Amino acid sequence: KIKGETLPEKGVSLLVTGARIRNRLQSEGYNIIKSFW
């Protein structure tokens, strides 16, 4: 929802905590630099 509004459409890198949400974000095509338990 906030992508393109308060966040840019492209060029956003992610640090993700949580394996479940990491898998979901990967399937959505987000650039995940690193993930953590």
PDB file of all heavy atoms in Angstrom:
ATOM      1  N   LYS A   1       0.817  -1.212   0.000  1.00  0.00           N
ATOM      2  CA  LYS A   1       0.000   0.000   0.000  1.00  0.00           C
ATOM      3  C   LYS A   1       0.853   1.266   0.000  1.00  0.00           C
ATOM      4  O   LYS A   1       0.538   2.234  -0.713  1.00  0.00           O
ATOM      5  CB  LYS A   1      -0.925  -0.013   1.224  1.00  0.00           C
ATOM      6  CG  LYS A   1      -1.805   1.209   1.346  1.00  0.00           C
ATOM      7  CD  LYS A   1      -2.665   1.131   2.597  1.00  0.00           C
ATOM      8  CE  LYS A   1      -3.502   2.389   2.767  1.00  0.00           C
ATOM      9  NZ  LYS A   1      -4.332   2.342   4.002  1.00  0.00           N
ATOM     10  N   ILE A   2       1.929   1.283   0.807  1.00  0.00           N
ATOM     11  CA  ILE A   2       2.721   2.514   0.936  1.00  0.00           C
ATOM     12  C   ILE A   2       3.811   2.618  -0.141  1.00  0.00           C
ATOM     13  O   ILE A   2       4.437   3.663  -0.279  1.00  0.00           O
ATOM     14  CB  ILE A   2       3.379   2.619   2.322  1.00  0.00           C
ATOM     15  CG1 ILE A   2       4.389   1.483   2.546  1.00  0.00           C
ATOM     16  CG2 ILE A   2       2.324   2.626   3.416  1.00  0.00           C
ATOM     17  CD1 ILE A   2       5.143   1.593   3.862  1.00  0.00           C
ATOM     18  N   LYS A   3       4.025   1.540  -0.901  1.00  0.00           N
ATOM     19  CA  LYS A   3       5.020   1.590  -1.969  1.00  0.00           C
ATOM     20  C   LYS A   3       4.524   2.540  -3.050  1.00  0.00           C
ATOM     21  O   LYS A   3       3.436   2.380  -3.583  1.00  0.00           O
ATOM     22  CB  LYS A   3       5.258   0.199  -2.546  1.00  0.00           C
ATOM     23  CG  LYS A   3       6.439   0.118  -3.491  1.00  0.00           C
ATOM     24  CD  LYS A   3       6.755  -1.318  -3.857  1.00  0.00           C
ATOM     25  CE  LYS A   3       5.634  -1.956  -4.632  1.00  0.00           C
ATOM     26  NZ  LYS A   3       5.969  -3.300  -5.135  1.00  0.00           N
ATOM     27  N   GLY A   4       5.330   3.515  -3.378  1.00  0.00           N
ATOM     28  CA  GLY A   4       4.919   4.533  -4.340  1.00  0.00           C
ATOM     29  C   GLY A   4       4.310   5.753  -3.685  1.00  0.00           C
ATOM     30  O   GLY A   4       4.133   6.791  -4.331  1.00  0.00           O
ATOM     31  N   GLU A   5       3.979   5.642  -2.387  1.00  0.00           N
ATOM     32  CA  GLU A   5       3.448   6.790  -1.641  1.00  0.00           C
ATOM     33  C   GLU A   5       4.530   7.327  -0.704  1.00  0.00           C
ATOM     34  O   GLU A   5       5.170   8.336  -0.995  1.00  0.00           O
ATOM     35  CB  GLU A   5       2.197   6.377  -0.859  1.00  0.00           C
ATOM     36  CG  GLU A   5       1.049   5.901  -1.750  1.00  0.00           C
ATOM     37  CD  GLU A   5      -0.142   5.444  -0.941  1.00  0.00           C
ATOM     38  OE1 GLU A   5      -0.105   5.524   0.307  1.00  0.00           O
ATOM     39  OE2 GLU A   5      -1.136   4.994  -1.552  1.00  0.00           O
ATOM     40  N   THR A   6       4.727   6.643   0.407  1.00  0.00           N
ATOM     41  CA  THR A   6       5.781   7.052   1.344  1.00  0.00           C
ATOM     42  C   THR A   6       7.091   6.322   1.078  1.00  0.00           C
ATOM     43  O   THR A   6       8.126   6.686   1.634  1.00  0.00           O
ATOM     44  CB  THR A   6       5.340   6.797   2.795  1.00  0.00           C
ATOM     45  OG1 THR A   6       4.947   5.433   2.928  1.00  0.00           O
ATOM     46  CG2 THR A   6       4.174   7.689   3.164  1.00  0.00           C
ATOM     47  N   LEU A   7       7.041   5.283   0.253  1.00  0.00           N
ATOM     48  CA  LEU A   7       8.244   4.565  -0.164  1.00  0.00           C
ATOM     49  C   LEU A   7       8.340   4.606  -1.682  1.00  0.00           C
ATOM     50  O   LEU A   7       7.310   4.599  -2.369  1.00  0.00           O
ATOM     51  CB  LEU A   7       8.196   3.099   0.292  1.00  0.00           C
ATOM     52  CG  LEU A   7       8.426   2.802   1.775  1.00  0.00           C
ATOM     53  CD1 LEU A   7       8.218   1.316   2.024  1.00  0.00           C
ATOM     54  CD2 LEU A   7       9.810   3.215   2.213  1.00  0.00           C
ATOM     55  N   PRO A   8       9.561   4.640  -2.238  1.00  0.00           N
ATOM     56  CA  PRO A   8       9.693   4.638  -3.698  1.00  0.00           C
ATOM     57  C   PRO A   8       9.265   3.299  -4.292  1.00  0.00           C
ATOM     58  O   PRO A   8       9.312   2.263  -3.626  1.00  0.00           O
ATOM     59  CB  PRO A   8      11.189   4.899  -3.917  1.00  0.00           C
ATOM     60  CG  PRO A   8      11.849   4.445  -2.659  1.00  0.00           C
ATOM     61  CD  PRO A   8      10.878   4.723  -1.563  1.00  0.00           C
ATOM     62  N   GLU A   9       8.836   3.323  -5.550  1.00  0.00           N
ATOM     63  CA  GLU A   9       8.427   2.097  -6.235  1.00  0.00           C
ATOM     64  C   GLU A   9       9.597   1.140  -6.401  1.00  0.00           C
ATOM     65  O   GLU A   9       9.456  -0.067  -6.274  1.00  0.00           O
ATOM     66  CB  GLU A   9       7.847   2.441  -7.610  1.00  0.00           C
ATOM     67  CG  GLU A   9       6.428   2.986  -7.572  1.00  0.00           C
ATOM     68  CD  GLU A   9       5.392   1.888  -7.410  1.00  0.00           C
ATOM     69  OE1 GLU A   9       5.777   0.712  -7.413  1.00  0.00           O
ATOM     70  OE2 GLU A   9       4.199   2.230  -7.261  1.00  0.00           O
ATOM     71  N   LYS A  10      10.779   1.697  -6.706  1.00  0.00           N
ATOM     72  CA  LYS A  10      11.956   0.873  -6.957  1.00  0.00           C
ATOM     73  C   LYS A  10      13.120   1.374  -6.111  1.00  0.00           C
ATOM     74  O   LYS A  10      13.096   2.491  -5.588  1.00  0.00           O
ATOM     75  CB  LYS A  10      12.319   0.914  -8.439  1.00  0.00           C
ATOM     76  CG  LYS A  10      11.241   0.335  -9.353  1.00  0.00           C
ATOM     77  CD  LYS A  10      11.668   0.391 -10.807  1.00  0.00           C
ATOM     78  CE  LYS A  10      10.611  -0.207 -11.722  1.00  0.00           C
ATOM     79  NZ  LYS A  10      11.013  -0.146 -13.159  1.00  0.00           N
ATOM     80  N   GLY A  11      14.141   0.525  -6.014  1.00  0.00           N
ATOM     81  CA  GLY A  11      15.360   0.928  -5.317  1.00  0.00           C
ATOM     82  C   GLY A  11      15.324   0.729  -3.816  1.00  0.00           C
ATOM     83  O   GLY A  11      16.184   1.244  -3.109  1.00  0.00           O
ATOM     84  N   VAL A  12      14.328  -0.024  -3.314  1.00  0.00           N
ATOM     85  CA  VAL A  12      14.237  -0.282  -1.879  1.00  0.00           C
ATOM     86  C   VAL A  12      14.859  -1.637  -1.572  1.00  0.00           C
ATOM     87  O   VAL A  12      14.470  -2.652  -2.151  1.00  0.00           O
ATOM     88  CB  VAL A  12      12.772  -0.249  -1.384  1.00  0.00           C
ATOM     89  CG1 VAL A  12      12.712  -0.535   0.112  1.00  0.00           C
ATOM     90  CG2 VAL A  12      12.134   1.086  -1.703  1.00  0.00           C
ATOM     91  N   SER A  13      15.833  -1.643  -0.674  1.00  0.00           N
ATOM     92  CA  SER A  13      16.445  -2.886  -0.208  1.00  0.00           C
ATOM     93  C   SER A  13      15.890  -3.228   1.171  1.00  0.00           C
ATOM     94  O   SER A  13      15.565  -2.331   1.947  1.00  0.00           O
ATOM     95  CB  SER A  13      17.963  -2.743  -0.138  1.00  0.00           C
ATOM     96  OG  SER A  13      18.495  -2.417  -1.412  1.00  0.00           O
ATOM     97  N   LEU A  14      15.788  -4.524   1.463  1.00  0.00           N
ATOM     98  CA  LEU A  14      15.148  -4.953   2.705  1.00  0.00           C
ATOM     99  C   LEU A  14      16.087  -5.769   3.580  1.00  0.00           C
ATOM    100  O   LEU A  14      16.848  -6.609   3.094  1.00  0.00           O
ATOM    101  CB  LEU A  14      13.913  -5.808   2.405  1.00  0.00           C
ATOM    102  CG  LEU A  14      12.564  -5.109   2.195  1.00  0.00           C
ATOM    103  CD1 LEU A  14      12.619  -4.142   1.036  1.00  0.00           C
ATOM    104  CD2 LEU A  14      11.451  -6.135   1.984  1.00  0.00           C
ATOM    105  N   LEU A  15      16.036  -5.481   4.884  1.00  0.00           N
ATOM    106  CA  LEU A  15      16.555  -6.375   5.913  1.00  0.00           C
ATOM    107  C   LEU A  15      15.336  -6.951   6.614  1.00  0.00           C
ATOM    108  O   LEU A  15      14.497  -6.201   7.109  1.00  0.00           O
ATOM    109  CB  LEU A  15      17.430  -5.623   6.915  1.00  0.00           C
ATOM    110  CG  LEU A  15      18.782  -5.081   6.424  1.00  0.00           C
ATOM    111  CD1 LEU A  15      19.469  -4.310   7.548  1.00  0.00           C
ATOM    112  CD2 LEU A  15      19.667  -6.203   5.934  1.00  0.00           C
ATOM    113  N   VAL A  16      15.227  -8.276   6.659  1.00  0.00           N
ATOM    114  CA  VAL A  16      13.982  -8.909   7.102  1.00  0.00           C
ATOM    115  C   VAL A  16      14.232  -9.825   8.288  1.00  0.00           C
ATOM    116  O   VAL A  16      15.138 -10.660   8.261  1.00  0.00           O
ATOM    117  CB  VAL A  16      13.339  -9.722   5.955  1.00  0.00           C
ATOM    118  CG1 VAL A  16      12.049 -10.376   6.424  1.00  0.00           C
ATOM    119  CG2 VAL A  16      13.066  -8.825   4.756  1.00  0.00           C
ATOM    120  N   THR A  17      13.418  -9.648   9.326  1.00  0.00           N
ATOM    121  CA  THR A  17      13.413 -10.567  10.456  1.00  0.00           C
ATOM    122  C   THR A  17      12.172 -11.449  10.353  1.00  0.00           C
ATOM    123  O   THR A  17      11.055 -10.937  10.289  1.00  0.00           O
ATOM    124  CB  THR A  17      13.386  -9.790  11.787  1.00  0.00           C
ATOM    125  OG1 THR A  17      14.599  -9.067  11.939  1.00  0.00           O
ATOM    126  CG2 THR A  17      13.232 -10.739  12.961  1.00  0.00           C
ATOM    127  N   GLY A  18      12.387 -12.769  10.308  1.00  0.00           N
ATOM    128  CA  GLY A  18      11.256 -13.694  10.221  1.00  0.00           C
ATOM    129  C   GLY A  18      11.274 -14.488   8.927  1.00  0.00           C
ATOM    130  O   GLY A  18      11.182 -13.909   7.841  1.00  0.00           O
ATOM    131  N   ALA A  19      11.395 -15.814   9.037  1.00  0.00           N
ATOM    132  CA  ALA A  19      11.483 -16.666   7.847  1.00  0.00           C
ATOM    133  C   ALA A  19      10.179 -16.680   7.058  1.00  0.00           C
ATOM    134  O   ALA A  19      10.189 -16.711   5.825  1.00  0.00           O
ATOM    135  CB  ALA A  19      11.855 -18.089   8.268  1.00  0.00           C
ATOM    136  N   ARG A  20       9.058 -16.644   7.752  1.00  0.00           N
ATOM    137  CA  ARG A  20       7.770 -16.723   7.065  1.00  0.00           C
ATOM    138  C   ARG A  20       7.532 -15.504   6.185  1.00  0.00           C
ATOM    139  O   ARG A  20       7.134 -15.626   5.028  1.00  0.00           O
ATOM    140  CB  ARG A  20       6.637 -16.867   8.089  1.00  0.00           C
ATOM    141  CG  ARG A  20       6.582 -18.230   8.751  1.00  0.00           C
ATOM    142  CD  ARG A  20       5.566 -18.264   9.866  1.00  0.00           C
ATOM    143  NE  ARG A  20       5.499 -19.581  10.477  1.00  0.00           N
ATOM    144  CZ  ARG A  20       4.569 -20.491  10.235  1.00  0.00           C
ATOM    145  NH1 ARG A  20       3.608 -20.216   9.380  1.00  0.00           N
ATOM    146  NH2 ARG A  20       4.581 -21.661  10.838  1.00  0.00           N
ATOM    147  N   ILE A  21       7.781 -14.314   6.731  1.00  0.00           N
ATOM    148  CA  ILE A  21       7.556 -13.105   5.934  1.00  0.00           C
ATOM    149  C   ILE A  21       8.635 -12.946   4.863  1.00  0.00           C
ATOM    150  O   ILE A  21       8.386 -12.385   3.799  1.00  0.00           O
ATOM    151  CB  ILE A  21       7.481 -11.855   6.843  1.00  0.00           C
ATOM    152  CG1 ILE A  21       6.918 -10.673   6.058  1.00  0.00           C
ATOM    153  CG2 ILE A  21       8.846 -11.515   7.431  1.00  0.00           C
ATOM    154  CD1 ILE A  21       6.587  -9.478   6.918  1.00  0.00           C
ATOM    155  N   ARG A  22       9.839 -13.465   5.134  1.00  0.00           N
ATOM    156  CA  ARG A  22      10.896 -13.415   4.119  1.00  0.00           C
ATOM    157  C   ARG A  22      10.463 -14.158   2.859  1.00  0.00           C
ATOM    158  O   ARG A  22      10.616 -13.658   1.737  1.00  0.00           O
ATOM    159  CB  ARG A  22      12.165 -14.041   4.675  1.00  0.00           C
ATOM    160  CG  ARG A  22      13.320 -14.124   3.655  1.00  0.00           C
ATOM    161  CD  ARG A  22      14.334 -15.146   4.106  1.00  0.00           C
ATOM    162  NE  ARG A  22      13.747 -16.489   4.168  1.00  0.00           N
ATOM    163  CZ  ARG A  22      14.232 -17.490   4.889  1.00  0.00           C
ATOM    164  NH1 ARG A  22      15.316 -17.305   5.634  1.00  0.00           N
ATOM    165  NH2 ARG A  22      13.645 -18.674   4.884  1.00  0.00           N
ATOM    166  N   ASN A  23       9.904 -15.351   3.028  1.00  0.00           N
ATOM    167  CA  ASN A  23       9.464 -16.138   1.882  1.00  0.00           C
ATOM    168  C   ASN A  23       8.361 -15.420   1.099  1.00  0.00           C
ATOM    169  O   ASN A  23       8.343 -15.438  -0.136  1.00  0.00           O
ATOM    170  CB  ASN A  23       8.971 -17.510   2.342  1.00  0.00           C
ATOM    171  CG  ASN A  23      10.070 -18.342   2.974  1.00  0.00           C
ATOM    172  OD1 ASN A  23      11.252 -18.138   2.700  1.00  0.00           O
ATOM    173  ND2 ASN A  23       9.698 -19.276   3.836  1.00  0.00           N
ATOM    174  N   ARG A  24       7.471 -14.779   1.842  1.00  0.00           N
ATOM    175  CA  ARG A  24       6.374 -14.048   1.177  1.00  0.00           C
ATOM    176  C   ARG A  24       6.918 -12.846   0.402  1.00  0.00           C
ATOM    177  O   ARG A  24       6.504 -12.594  -0.744  1.00  0.00           O
ATOM    178  CB  ARG A  24       5.376 -13.598   2.244  1.00  0.00           C
ATOM    179  CG  ARG A  24       4.237 -12.759   1.718  1.00  0.00           C
ATOM    180  CD  ARG A  24       3.248 -13.563   0.902  1.00  0.00           C
ATOM    181  NE  ARG A  24       2.225 -12.706   0.334  1.00  0.00           N
ATOM    182  CZ  ARG A  24       1.106 -12.370   0.986  1.00  0.00           C
ATOM    183  NH1 ARG A  24       0.881 -12.839   2.212  1.00  0.00           N
ATOM    184  NH2 ARG A  24       0.205 -11.599   0.409  1.00  0.00           N
ATOM    185  N   LEU A  25       7.850 -12.109   0.981  1.00  0.00           N
ATOM    186  CA  LEU A  25       8.413 -10.933   0.315  1.00  0.00           C
ATOM    187  C   LEU A  25       9.259 -11.335  -0.890  1.00  0.00           C
ATOM    188  O   LEU A  25       9.266 -10.634  -1.908  1.00  0.00           O
ATOM    189  CB  LEU A  25       9.249 -10.118   1.302  1.00  0.00           C
ATOM    190  CG  LEU A  25       8.461  -9.411   2.409  1.00  0.00           C
ATOM    191  CD1 LEU A  25       9.399  -8.834   3.459  1.00  0.00           C
ATOM    192  CD2 LEU A  25       7.587  -8.302   1.831  1.00  0.00           C
ATOM    193  N   GLN A  26       9.964 -12.453  -0.780  1.00  0.00           N
ATOM    194  CA  GLN A  26      10.740 -12.943  -1.922  1.00  0.00           C
ATOM    195  C   GLN A  26       9.823 -13.279  -3.095  1.00  0.00           C
ATOM    196  O   GLN A  26      10.137 -12.982  -4.251  1.00  0.00           O
ATOM    197  CB  GLN A  26      11.556 -14.166  -1.520  1.00  0.00           C
ATOM    198  CG  GLN A  26      12.834 -13.842  -0.766  1.00  0.00           C
ATOM    199  CD  GLN A  26      13.614 -15.093  -0.384  1.00  0.00           C
ATOM    200  OE1 GLN A  26      13.041 -16.183  -0.271  1.00  0.00           O
ATOM    201  NE2 GLN A  26      14.910 -14.944  -0.165  1.00  0.00           N
ATOM    202  N   SER A  27       8.691 -13.898  -2.794  1.00  0.00           N
ATOM    203  CA  SER A  27       7.745 -14.249  -3.855  1.00  0.00           C
ATOM    204  C   SER A  27       7.142 -13.009  -4.508  1.00  0.00           C
ATOM    205  O   SER A  27       6.697 -13.061  -5.656  1.00  0.00           O
ATOM    206  CB  SER A  27       6.627 -15.140  -3.303  1.00  0.00           C
ATOM    207  OG  SER A  27       5.812 -14.427  -2.388  1.00  0.00           O
ATOM    208  N   GLU A  28       7.139 -11.882  -3.771  1.00  0.00           N
ATOM    209  CA  GLU A  28       6.622 -10.626  -4.310  1.00  0.00           C
ATOM    210  C   GLU A  28       7.689  -9.859  -5.091  1.00  0.00           C
ATOM    211  O   GLU A  28       7.404  -8.808  -5.666  1.00  0.00           O
ATOM    212  CB  GLU A  28       6.091  -9.738  -3.168  1.00  0.00           C
ATOM    213  CG  GLU A  28       4.902 -10.303  -2.412  1.00  0.00           C
ATOM    214  CD  GLU A  28       3.625 -10.256  -3.218  1.00  0.00           C
ATOM    215  OE1 GLU A  28       3.568  -9.498  -4.208  1.00  0.00           O
ATOM    216  OE2 GLU A  28       2.679 -10.993  -2.862  1.00  0.00           O
ATOM    217  N   GLY A  29       8.924 -10.364  -5.097  1.00  0.00           N
ATOM    218  CA  GLY A  29       9.977  -9.753  -5.902  1.00  0.00           C
ATOM    219  C   GLY A  29      10.791  -8.683  -5.223  1.00  0.00           C
ATOM    220  O   GLY A  29      11.511  -7.928  -5.894  1.00  0.00           O
ATOM    221  N   TYR A  30      10.740  -8.592  -3.898  1.00  0.00           N
ATOM    222  CA  TYR A  30      11.514  -7.563  -3.186  1.00  0.00           C
ATOM    223  C   TYR A  30      12.988  -7.979  -3.087  1.00  0.00           C
ATOM    224  O   TYR A  30      13.309  -9.169  -3.009  1.00  0.00           O
ATOM    225  CB  TYR A  30      10.942  -7.340  -1.783  1.00  0.00           C
ATOM    226  CG  TYR A  30       9.637  -6.582  -1.781  1.00  0.00           C
ATOM    227  CD1 TYR A  30       8.416  -7.273  -1.708  1.00  0.00           C
ATOM    228  CD2 TYR A  30       9.613  -5.203  -1.853  1.00  0.00           C
ATOM    229  CE1 TYR A  30       7.211  -6.586  -1.708  1.00  0.00           C
ATOM    230  CE2 TYR A  30       8.405  -4.512  -1.851  1.00  0.00           C
ATOM    231  CZ  TYR A  30       7.214  -5.205  -1.785  1.00  0.00           C
ATOM    232  OH  TYR A  30       6.029  -4.532  -1.791  1.00  0.00           O
ATOM    233  N   ASN A  31      13.846  -6.966  -3.067  1.00  0.00           N
ATOM    234  CA  ASN A  31      15.287  -7.184  -2.952  1.00  0.00           C
ATOM    235  C   ASN A  31      15.669  -7.320  -1.476  1.00  0.00           C
ATOM    236  O   ASN A  31      15.729  -6.320  -0.759  1.00  0.00           O
ATOM    237  CB  ASN A  31      16.043  -6.022  -3.597  1.00  0.00           C
ATOM    238  CG  ASN A  31      17.553  -6.146  -3.403  1.00  0.00           C
ATOM    239  OD1 ASN A  31      18.099  -7.257  -3.359  1.00  0.00           O
ATOM    240  ND2 ASN A  31      18.223  -5.012  -3.288  1.00  0.00           N
ATOM    241  N   ILE A  32      15.898  -8.537  -1.020  1.00  0.00           N
ATOM    242  CA  ILE A  32      16.237  -8.787   0.385  1.00  0.00           C
ATOM    243  C   ILE A  32      17.741  -8.966   0.505  1.00  0.00           C
ATOM    244  O   ILE A  32      18.315  -9.917  -0.028  1.00  0.00           O
ATOM    245  CB  ILE A  32      15.494 -10.031   0.917  1.00  0.00           C
ATOM    246  CG1 ILE A  32      13.988  -9.810   0.831  1.00  0.00           C
ATOM    247  CG2 ILE A  32      15.916 -10.330   2.353  1.00  0.00           C
ATOM    248  CD1 ILE A  32      13.168 -11.018   1.244  1.00  0.00           C
ATOM    249  N   ILE A  33      18.381  -8.027   1.205  1.00  0.00           N
ATOM    250  CA  ILE A  33      19.830  -8.086   1.395  1.00  0.00           C
ATOM    251  C   ILE A  33      20.201  -9.234   2.321  1.00  0.00           C
ATOM    252  O   ILE A  33      21.097 -10.025   2.051  1.00  0.00           O
ATOM    253  CB  ILE A  33      20.361  -6.760   1.979  1.00  0.00           C
ATOM    254  CG1 ILE A  33      20.080  -5.602   1.031  1.00  0.00           C
ATOM    255  CG2 ILE A  33      21.849  -6.856   2.280  1.00  0.00           C
ATOM    256  CD1 ILE A  33      20.500  -4.266   1.591  1.00  0.00           C
ATOM    257  N   LYS A  34      19.486  -9.307   3.443  1.00  0.00           N
ATOM    258  CA  LYS A  34      19.764 -10.348   4.428  1.00  0.00           C
ATOM    259  C   LYS A  34      18.525 -10.572   5.280  1.00  0.00           C
ATOM    260  O   LYS A  34      17.722  -9.657   5.489  1.00  0.00           O
ATOM    261  CB  LYS A  34      20.946  -9.947   5.323  1.00  0.00           C
ATOM    262  CG  LYS A  34      21.450 -11.081   6.215  1.00  0.00           C
ATOM    263  CD  LYS A  34      22.757 -10.723   6.890  1.00  0.00           C
ATOM    264  CE  LYS A  34      23.282 -11.880   7.728  1.00  0.00           C
ATOM    265  NZ  LYS A  34      24.571 -11.570   8.371  1.00  0.00           N
ATOM    266  N   SER A  35      18.378 -11.795   5.761  1.00  0.00           N
ATOM    267  CA  SER A  35      17.256 -12.114   6.646  1.00  0.00           C
ATOM    268  C   SER A  35      17.793 -12.701   7.945  1.00  0.00           C
ATOM    269  O   SER A  35      18.893 -13.252   7.994  1.00  0.00           O
ATOM    270  CB  SER A  35      16.289 -13.094   5.976  1.00  0.00           C
ATOM    271  OG  SER A  35      16.931 -14.318   5.700  1.00  0.00           O
ATOM    272  N   PHE A  36      16.992 -12.568   8.995  1.00  0.00           N
ATOM    273  CA  PHE A  36      17.377 -13.022  10.329  1.00  0.00           C
ATOM    274  C   PHE A  36      16.234 -13.840  10.925  1.00  0.00           C
ATOM    275  O   PHE A  36      15.066 -13.633  10.593  1.00  0.00           O
ATOM    276  CB  PHE A  36      17.664 -11.834  11.261  1.00  0.00           C
ATOM    277  CG  PHE A  36      18.622 -10.819  10.714  1.00  0.00           C
ATOM    278  CD1 PHE A  36      18.160  -9.771   9.942  1.00  0.00           C
ATOM    279  CD2 PHE A  36      19.983 -10.916  10.976  1.00  0.00           C
ATOM    280  CE1 PHE A  36      19.038  -8.827   9.436  1.00  0.00           C
ATOM    281  CE2 PHE A  36      20.866  -9.980  10.476  1.00  0.00           C
ATOM    282  CZ  PHE A  36      20.393  -8.924   9.707  1.00  0.00           C
ATOM    283  N   TRP A  37      16.601 -14.744  11.819  1.00  0.00           N
ATOM    284  CA  TRP A  37      15.588 -15.423  12.628  1.00  0.00           C
ATOM    285  C   TRP A  37      15.111 -14.460  13.704  1.00  0.00           C
ATOM    286  O   TRP A  37      15.889 -13.690  14.260  1.00  0.00           O
ATOM    287  CB  TRP A  37      16.149 -16.685  13.267  1.00  0.00           C
ATOM    288  CG  TRP A  37      16.461 -17.769  12.292  1.00  0.00           C
ATOM    289  CD1 TRP A  37      17.692 -18.115  11.806  1.00  0.00           C
ATOM    290  CD2 TRP A  37      15.531 -18.657  11.675  1.00  0.00           C
ATOM    291  NE1 TRP A  37      17.584 -19.154  10.924  1.00  0.00           N
ATOM    292  CE2 TRP A  37      16.263 -19.517  10.822  1.00  0.00           C
ATOM    293  CE3 TRP A  37      14.147 -18.816  11.761  1.00  0.00           C
ATOM    294  CZ2 TRP A  37      15.660 -20.508  10.055  1.00  0.00           C
ATOM    295  CZ3 TRP A  37      13.539 -19.819  10.994  1.00  0.00           C
ATOM    296  CH2 TRP A  37      14.289 -20.630  10.169  1.00  0.00           C
TER     297      TRP A  37
END
